PDB file of N, CA and C in Angstrom:
ATOM      1  N   MET A   1     -50.324 -15.415  26.714  1.00  0.00           N
ATOM      2  CA  MET A   1     -50.803 -13.900  26.347  1.00  0.00           C
ATOM      3  C   MET A   1     -51.689 -14.053  25.047  1.00  0.00           C
ATOM      4  N   LEU A   2     -51.191 -15.187  24.185  1.00  0.00           N
ATOM      5  CA  LEU A   2     -51.959 -15.417  22.847  1.00  0.00           C
ATOM      6  C   LEU A   2     -53.192 -16.076  23.197  1.00  0.00           C
ATOM      7  N   GLY A   3     -53.553 -16.608  24.385  1.00  0.00           N
ATOM      8  CA  GLY A   3     -54.561 -17.352  24.680  1.00  0.00           C
ATOM      9  C   GLY A   3     -55.650 -16.149  24.920  1.00  0.00           C
ATOM     10  N   TRP A   4     -55.166 -15.125  25.746  1.00  0.00           N
ATOM     11  CA  TRP A   4     -56.133 -13.981  26.032  1.00  0.00           C
ATOM     12  C   TRP A   4     -56.548 -13.251  24.862  1.00  0.00           C
ATOM     13  N   ALA A   5     -55.679 -13.120  23.935  1.00  0.00           N
ATOM     14  CA  ALA A   5     -56.041 -12.510  22.593  1.00  0.00           C
ATOM     15  C   ALA A   5     -57.059 -13.293  21.892  1.00  0.00           C
ATOM     16  N   LEU A   6     -57.053 -14.554  21.839  1.00  0.00           N
ATOM     17  CA  LEU A   6     -57.946 -15.483  21.398  1.00  0.00           C
ATOM     18  C   LEU A   6     -59.305 -15.397  21.714  1.00  0.00           C
ATOM     19  N   THR A   7     -59.340 -15.319  23.154  1.00  0.00           N
ATOM     20  CA  THR A   7     -60.253 -15.036  24.008  1.00  0.00           C
ATOM     21  C   THR A   7     -61.162 -13.864  23.828  1.00  0.00           C
ATOM     22  N   PHE A   8     -60.333 -12.642  23.779  1.00  0.00           N
ATOM     23  CA  PHE A   8     -61.017 -11.342  23.503  1.00  0.00           C
ATOM     24  C   PHE A   8     -61.764 -11.420  22.090  1.00  0.00           C
ATOM     25  N   LEU A   9     -60.831 -12.117  21.196  1.00  0.00           N
ATOM     26  CA  LEU A   9     -61.589 -12.089  19.651  1.00  0.00           C
ATOM     27  C   LEU A   9     -62.855 -13.013  19.673  1.00  0.00           C
ATOM     28  N   VAL A  10     -62.846 -14.106  20.328  1.00  0.00           N
ATOM     29  CA  VAL A  10     -64.079 -14.734  20.358  1.00  0.00           C
ATOM     30  C   VAL A  10     -65.198 -14.105  21.082  1.00  0.00           C
ATOM     31  N   ILE A  11     -64.887 -13.238  22.178  1.00  0.00           N
ATOM     32  CA  ILE A  11     -65.998 -12.325  22.863  1.00  0.00           C
ATOM     33  C   ILE A  11     -66.607 -11.382  21.672  1.00  0.00           C
ATOM     34  N   ALA A  12     -65.382 -10.899  20.995  1.00  0.00           N
ATOM     35  CA  ALA A  12     -65.625  -9.655  20.085  1.00  0.00           C
ATOM     36  C   ALA A  12     -66.784 -10.551  18.754  1.00  0.00           C
ATOM     37  N   LEU A  13     -66.316 -11.688  18.517  1.00  0.00           N
ATOM     38  CA  LEU A  13     -67.396 -12.053  17.434  1.00  0.00           C
ATOM     39  C   LEU A  13     -68.531 -12.607  18.088  1.00  0.00           C
ATOM     40  N   ILE A  14     -68.650 -12.918  19.234  1.00  0.00           N
ATOM     41  CA  ILE A  14     -70.008 -13.224  19.842  1.00  0.00           C
ATOM     42  C   ILE A  14     -70.865 -12.086  20.063  1.00  0.00           C
ATOM     43  N   ALA A  15     -70.175 -11.007  20.305  1.00  0.00           N
ATOM     44  CA  ALA A  15     -70.878  -9.609  20.629  1.00  0.00           C
ATOM     45  C   ALA A  15     -71.637  -9.356  19.281  1.00  0.00           C
ATOM     46  N   ALA A  16     -70.501  -9.323  18.360  1.00  0.00           N
ATOM     47  CA  ALA A  16     -70.781  -8.873  17.014  1.00  0.00           C
ATOM     48  C   ALA A  16     -72.143  -9.684  16.458  1.00  0.00           C
ATOM     49  N   VAL A  17     -72.208 -10.886  16.579  1.00  0.00           N
ATOM     50  CA  VAL A  17     -73.329 -11.700  16.116  1.00  0.00           C
ATOM     51  C   VAL A  17     -74.628 -11.265  16.847  1.00  0.00           C
ATOM     52  N   LEU A  18     -74.224 -10.979  18.086  1.00  0.00           N
ATOM     53  CA  LEU A  18     -75.628 -10.745  18.799  1.00  0.00           C
ATOM     54  C   LEU A  18     -76.057  -9.352  18.726  1.00  0.00           C
ATOM     55  N   GLY A  19     -75.267  -8.426  17.969  1.00  0.00           N
ATOM     56  CA  GLY A  19     -75.797  -7.013  18.008  1.00  0.00           C
ATOM     57  C   GLY A  19     -74.933  -5.984  18.863  1.00  0.00           C
ATOM     58  N   PHE A  20     -74.095  -6.371  19.705  1.00  0.00           N
ATOM     59  CA  PHE A  20     -73.625  -5.540  20.749  1.00  0.00           C
ATOM     60  C   PHE A  20     -72.275  -4.735  20.066  1.00  0.00           C
ATOM     61  N   GLY A  21     -72.618  -3.865  19.199  1.00  0.00           N
ATOM     62  CA  GLY A  21     -71.293  -3.260  18.547  1.00  0.00           C
ATOM     63  C   GLY A  21     -70.410  -2.578  19.189  1.00  0.00           C
ATOM     64  N   GLY A  22     -70.754  -2.119  20.629  1.00  0.00           N
ATOM     65  CA  GLY A  22     -69.762  -1.206  21.240  1.00  0.00           C
ATOM     66  C   GLY A  22     -68.928  -2.365  22.034  1.00  0.00           C
ATOM     67  N   ILE A  23     -69.406  -3.300  22.738  1.00  0.00           N
ATOM     68  CA  ILE A  23     -68.937  -4.110  23.168  1.00  0.00           C
ATOM     69  C   ILE A  23     -67.903  -4.957  22.419  1.00  0.00           C
ATOM     70  N   ALA A  24     -68.355  -5.255  20.870  1.00  0.00           N
ATOM     71  CA  ALA A  24     -67.634  -6.072  20.088  1.00  0.00           C
ATOM     72  C   ALA A  24     -66.545  -5.365  19.660  1.00  0.00           C
ATOM     73  N   GLY A  25     -66.364  -3.942  19.497  1.00  0.00           N
ATOM     74  CA  GLY A  25     -65.324  -2.984  19.108  1.00  0.00           C
ATOM     75  C   GLY A  25     -64.592  -3.109  20.051  1.00  0.00           C
ATOM     76  N   ALA A  26     -64.594  -2.857  21.266  1.00  0.00           N
ATOM     77  CA  ALA A  26     -63.872  -2.774  22.430  1.00  0.00           C
ATOM     78  C   ALA A  26     -63.181  -4.133  22.764  1.00  0.00           C
ATOM     79  N   ALA A  27     -63.731  -5.310  22.739  1.00  0.00           N
ATOM     80  CA  ALA A  27     -63.084  -6.743  22.672  1.00  0.00           C
ATOM     81  C   ALA A  27     -62.272  -6.721  21.431  1.00  0.00           C
ATOM     82  N   ALA A  28     -62.634  -6.533  20.367  1.00  0.00           N
ATOM     83  CA  ALA A  28     -61.737  -6.542  19.115  1.00  0.00           C
ATOM     84  C   ALA A  28     -60.450  -5.726  19.356  1.00  0.00           C
ATOM     85  N   GLY A  29     -60.591  -4.620  19.866  1.00  0.00           N
ATOM     86  CA  GLY A  29     -59.430  -3.440  20.146  1.00  0.00           C
ATOM     87  C   GLY A  29     -58.458  -4.243  21.209  1.00  0.00           C
ATOM     88  N   ILE A  30     -58.997  -4.695  22.209  1.00  0.00           N
ATOM     89  CA  ILE A  30     -58.230  -5.294  23.486  1.00  0.00           C
ATOM     90  C   ILE A  30     -57.447  -6.493  22.708  1.00  0.00           C
ATOM     91  N   ALA A  31     -58.117  -7.297  22.033  1.00  0.00           N
ATOM     92  CA  ALA A  31     -57.427  -8.535  21.374  1.00  0.00           C
ATOM     93  C   ALA A  31     -56.348  -8.258  20.340  1.00  0.00           C
ATOM     94  N   LYS A  32     -56.536  -7.294  19.779  1.00  0.00           N
ATOM     95  CA  LYS A  32     -55.346  -6.436  18.741  1.00  0.00           C
ATOM     96  C   LYS A  32     -54.207  -6.180  19.631  1.00  0.00           C
ATOM     97  N   VAL A  33     -54.526  -5.420  20.569  1.00  0.00           N
ATOM     98  CA  VAL A  33     -53.393  -4.714  21.301  1.00  0.00           C
ATOM     99  C   VAL A  33     -52.602  -5.982  22.291  1.00  0.00           C
ATOM    100  N   ILE A  34     -53.466  -7.026  22.643  1.00  0.00           N
ATOM    101  CA  ILE A  34     -52.739  -8.112  23.146  1.00  0.00           C
ATOM    102  C   ILE A  34     -51.925  -8.955  22.146  1.00  0.00           C
ATOM    103  N   PHE A  35     -52.531  -9.082  21.048  1.00  0.00           N
ATOM    104  CA  PHE A  35     -51.693  -9.803  20.038  1.00  0.00           C
ATOM    105  C   PHE A  35     -50.480  -8.958  19.615  1.00  0.00           C
ATOM    106  N   PHE A  36     -50.512  -7.927  19.487  1.00  0.00           N
ATOM    107  CA  PHE A  36     -49.328  -7.020  19.102  1.00  0.00           C
ATOM    108  C   PHE A  36     -48.308  -7.303  20.179  1.00  0.00           C
ATOM    109  N   ILE A  37     -48.771  -7.084  21.525  1.00  0.00           N
ATOM    110  CA  ILE A  37     -47.715  -7.169  22.506  1.00  0.00           C
ATOM    111  C   ILE A  37     -47.162  -8.603  22.680  1.00  0.00           C
ATOM    112  N   PHE A  38     -47.748  -9.624  22.281  1.00  0.00           N
ATOM    113  CA  PHE A  38     -47.353 -10.940  22.123  1.00  0.00           C
ATOM    114  C   PHE A  38     -46.393 -11.063  20.990  1.00  0.00           C
ATOM    115  N   ILE A  39     -46.810 -10.587  19.956  1.00  0.00           N
ATOM    116  CA  ILE A  39     -45.788 -10.534  18.592  1.00  0.00           C
ATOM    117  C   ILE A  39     -44.303  -9.772  19.217  1.00  0.00           C
ATOM    118  N   VAL A  40     -44.497  -8.626  19.571  1.00  0.00           N
ATOM    119  CA  VAL A  40     -43.295  -7.929  20.022  1.00  0.00           C
ATOM    120  C   VAL A  40     -42.296  -8.885  21.129  1.00  0.00           C
ATOM    121  N   LEU A  41     -42.958  -9.288  22.168  1.00  0.00           N
ATOM    122  CA  LEU A  41     -42.251  -9.863  23.129  1.00  0.00           C
ATOM    123  C   LEU A  41     -41.886 -11.298  22.183  1.00  0.00           C
ATOM    124  N   LEU A  42     -42.396 -12.101  21.439  1.00  0.00           N
ATOM    125  CA  LEU A  42     -41.950 -13.074  20.834  1.00  0.00           C
ATOM    126  C   LEU A  42     -40.458 -12.746  19.952  1.00  0.00           C
ATOM    127  N   VAL A  43     -40.602 -11.469  19.468  1.00  0.00           N
ATOM    128  CA  VAL A  43     -39.516 -11.085  18.299  1.00  0.00           C
ATOM    129  C   VAL A  43     -38.366 -10.906  19.335  1.00  0.00           C
ATOM    130  N   ILE A  44     -38.442 -10.178  20.714  1.00  0.00           N
ATOM    131  CA  ILE A  44     -37.442 -10.053  21.541  1.00  0.00           C
ATOM    132  C   ILE A  44     -36.817 -11.257  22.137  1.00  0.00           C
ATOM    133  N   SER A  45     -37.704 -12.087  22.622  1.00  0.00           N
ATOM    134  CA  SER A  45     -37.415 -13.443  22.753  1.00  0.00           C
ATOM    135  C   SER A  45     -36.415 -14.223  21.897  1.00  0.00           C
ATOM    136  N   LEU A  46     -36.803 -14.194  20.692  1.00  0.00           N
ATOM    137  CA  LEU A  46     -35.979 -14.931  19.721  1.00  0.00           C
ATOM    138  C   LEU A  46     -34.774 -14.267  19.452  1.00  0.00           C
ATOM    139  N   LEU A  47     -34.734 -12.970  19.386  1.00  0.00           N
ATOM    140  CA  LEU A  47     -33.416 -12.108  19.294  1.00  0.00           C
ATOM    141  C   LEU A  47     -32.345 -12.150  20.264  1.00  0.00           C
ATOM    142  N   VAL A  48     -33.075 -12.240  21.495  1.00  0.00           N
ATOM    143  CA  VAL A  48     -32.172 -12.526  22.898  1.00  0.00           C
ATOM    144  C   VAL A  48     -31.585 -13.902  22.895  1.00  0.00           C
ATOM    145  N   ASN A  49     -32.278 -14.972  22.223  1.00  0.00           N
ATOM    146  CA  ASN A  49     -32.015 -16.287  22.304  1.00  0.00           C
ATOM    147  C   ASN A  49     -30.893 -16.487  21.088  1.00  0.00           C
ATOM    148  N   ALA A  50     -30.977 -15.805  20.153  1.00  0.00           N
ATOM    149  CA  ALA A  50     -30.168 -15.842  18.951  1.00  0.00           C
ATOM    150  C   ALA A  50     -28.630 -15.195  19.416  1.00  0.00           C
ATOM    151  N   LEU A  51     -28.481 -14.091  20.018  1.00  0.00           N
ATOM    152  CA  LEU A  51     -27.705 -13.581  20.508  1.00  0.00           C
ATOM    153  C   LEU A  51     -26.751 -14.153  21.470  1.00  0.00           C
ATOM    154  N   ARG A  52     -27.466 -14.809  22.267  1.00  0.00           N
ATOM    155  CA  ARG A  52     -26.928 -15.816  23.354  1.00  0.00           C
ATOM    156  C   ARG A  52     -26.429 -17.117  22.621  1.00  0.00           C
ATOM    157  N   GLY A  53     -26.658 -17.338  21.401  1.00  0.00           N
ATOM    158  CA  GLY A  53     -26.378 -18.547  20.825  1.00  0.00           C
ATOM    159  C   GLY A  53     -27.218 -19.780  20.775  1.00  0.00           C
ATOM    160  N   LYS A  54     -28.289 -19.718  21.450  1.00  0.00           N
ATOM    161  CA  LYS A  54     -29.103 -20.702  21.863  1.00  0.00           C
ATOM    162  C   LYS A  54     -30.246 -21.068  20.508  1.00  0.00           C
ATOM    163  N   SER A  55     -30.588 -22.165  20.195  1.00  0.00           N
ATOM    164  CA  SER A  55     -31.652 -22.288  19.270  1.00  0.00           C
ATOM    165  C   SER A  55     -32.832 -21.946  19.755  1.00  0.00           C
ATOM    166  N   PRO A  56     -33.824 -21.409  19.002  1.00  0.00           N
ATOM    167  CA  PRO A  56     -35.292 -20.984  19.843  1.00  0.00           C
ATOM    168  C   PRO A  56     -35.867 -22.361  19.876  1.00  0.00           C
ATOM    169  N   ARG A  57     -36.715 -22.398  20.706  1.00  0.00           N
ATOM    170  CA  ARG A  57     -37.566 -23.562  21.126  1.00  0.00           C
ATOM    171  C   ARG A  57     -38.927 -22.924  20.785  1.00  0.00           C
ATOM    172  N   LEU A  58     -39.341 -23.440  19.939  1.00  0.00           N
ATOM    173  CA  LEU A  58     -40.837 -22.952  19.507  1.00  0.00           C
ATOM    174  C   LEU A  58     -41.822 -23.942  19.837  1.00  0.00           C
TER     175      LEU A  58
END
């Protein structure tokens, strides 16, 4: 999932350099949403593993 966020970030940067404002904004928005979903899932995973007594594998 983090790979998808980075992909959309790169698309946003390329579109911004080429002057496509709408596409750059949309891709940046998608990248933000996917990144925050990734962070939430990471925290949930770490909490579940901590409650089970397992050490997190990063």
